[in-house]
Protein backbone atom coordinates (compact mmCIF):
# COMPACT_ATOMS: atom_id res chain seq x y z
CA MET A 1 15.72 -33.79 -1.19
CA LYS A 2 19.43 -33.36 -0.89
CA GLN A 3 19.61 -30.56 -3.53
CA PHE A 4 16.72 -28.96 -1.68
CA TYR A 5 18.41 -29.01 1.60
CA GLU A 6 21.78 -27.82 0.21
CA SER A 7 20.07 -24.88 -1.68
CA TYR A 8 18.42 -23.61 1.49
CA LYS A 9 20.67 -24.56 4.35
CA ASP A 10 22.58 -21.26 4.36
CA SER A 11 19.43 -19.13 4.25
CA PRO A 12 17.65 -18.95 7.60
CA LYS A 13 15.28 -16.32 6.42
CA LEU A 14 14.19 -18.50 3.49
CA SER A 15 13.84 -21.62 5.47
CA THR A 16 11.13 -19.84 7.59
CA LEU A 17 9.23 -19.01 4.38
CA LEU A 18 9.54 -22.55 3.16
CA ARG A 19 7.51 -23.78 6.04
CA GLU A 20 4.68 -21.36 5.25
CA ILE A 21 3.72 -22.60 1.76
CA SER A 22 2.85 -26.13 0.45
CA TRP A 23 5.39 -28.65 -0.75
CA SER A 24 4.06 -28.28 -4.40
CA HIS A 25 4.76 -24.56 -4.29
CA ASN A 26 8.27 -25.22 -2.92
CA LEU A 27 8.95 -27.72 -5.57
CA SER A 28 7.88 -25.43 -8.36
CA ILE A 29 9.93 -22.50 -7.04
CA PHE A 30 13.07 -24.70 -6.42
CA SER A 31 12.95 -26.35 -9.82
CA ARG A 32 12.33 -23.23 -11.86
CA CYS A 33 14.17 -20.39 -10.17
CA LYS A 34 17.91 -20.00 -10.59
CA THR A 35 19.01 -17.41 -8.08
CA THR A 36 18.41 -17.15 -4.36
CA GLU A 37 16.95 -13.68 -4.93
CA GLU A 38 14.39 -15.08 -7.42
CA ARG A 39 13.51 -17.92 -5.13
CA GLU A 40 13.03 -15.47 -2.19
CA PHE A 41 10.79 -13.27 -4.43
CA TYR A 42 8.48 -16.13 -5.37
CA LEU A 43 8.41 -17.51 -1.79
CA ARG A 44 7.33 -14.10 -0.52
CA ILE A 45 4.81 -13.43 -3.24
CA ALA A 46 3.23 -16.96 -2.95
CA LYS A 47 2.92 -16.46 0.75
CA ASN A 48 1.77 -12.75 0.82
CA GLU A 49 -0.59 -13.07 -2.08
CA ASN A 50 -1.78 -16.55 -1.12
CA TYR A 51 -1.32 -17.92 -4.65
CA SER A 52 -2.65 -21.25 -5.70
CA PHE A 53 -0.16 -23.64 -7.35
CA ARG A 54 -1.54 -22.74 -10.74
CA GLU A 55 -1.22 -19.02 -10.17
CA LEU A 56 2.26 -19.35 -8.90
CA GLU A 57 3.16 -21.42 -11.98
CA ARG A 58 1.68 -18.62 -14.14
CA GLN A 59 3.55 -15.96 -12.49
CA ILE A 60 6.81 -17.75 -12.78
CA THR A 61 6.16 -18.57 -16.47
CA SER A 62 5.28 -14.83 -17.15
CA GLY A 63 8.52 -13.72 -15.48
CA ILE A 64 7.07 -11.36 -12.87
CA PHE A 65 10.36 -11.41 -11.05
CA GLU A 66 12.32 -10.00 -14.08
CA ARG A 67 9.49 -7.52 -14.82
CA THR A 68 9.53 -6.28 -11.16
CA MET A 69 13.37 -5.95 -11.18
CA ILE A 70 13.10 -3.90 -14.40
CA GLY A 71 10.30 -1.83 -12.92
CA ASN A 72 7.53 -2.47 -15.46
CA SER A 73 5.29 -4.10 -12.97
CA LYS A 74 3.59 -2.68 -10.06
CA VAL A 75 3.90 -5.02 -7.12
CA SER A 76 3.12 -4.20 -3.41
CA THR A 77 6.13 -2.54 -1.60
CA ALA A 78 6.08 -5.45 0.92
CA LEU A 79 7.14 -7.77 -1.83
CA THR A 80 9.65 -5.51 -3.57
CA TYR A 81 11.30 -3.98 -0.49
CA PRO A 82 14.16 -6.59 -0.10
CA PHE A 83 14.82 -6.29 -3.73
CA SER A 84 14.77 -2.51 -4.02
CA LYS A 85 18.52 -2.33 -3.11
CA LEU A 86 19.53 -4.71 -5.96
CA THR A 87 21.30 -3.18 -9.01
CA ILE A 88 20.67 -4.52 -12.47
CA LEU A 89 23.61 -4.60 -14.75
């Protein structure tokens, strides 16, 4: 719980998304995502696409975040908009 709080305390925009999905979704995203951008991506996609826990797990395992950042996957613009300004090294 402390790690969860410390990870999201400086991100007010993420804290609102956290309240809109289930605790199991939050734990899955928290435990498997390394960066804030990746967490935000999966929080948004879980909420907007209304993913079940299994579907969210499948998407994280398949690496949809990385594929979207590379540009191989077509995801709705509502999900990719905050990430369209990121540069990939």
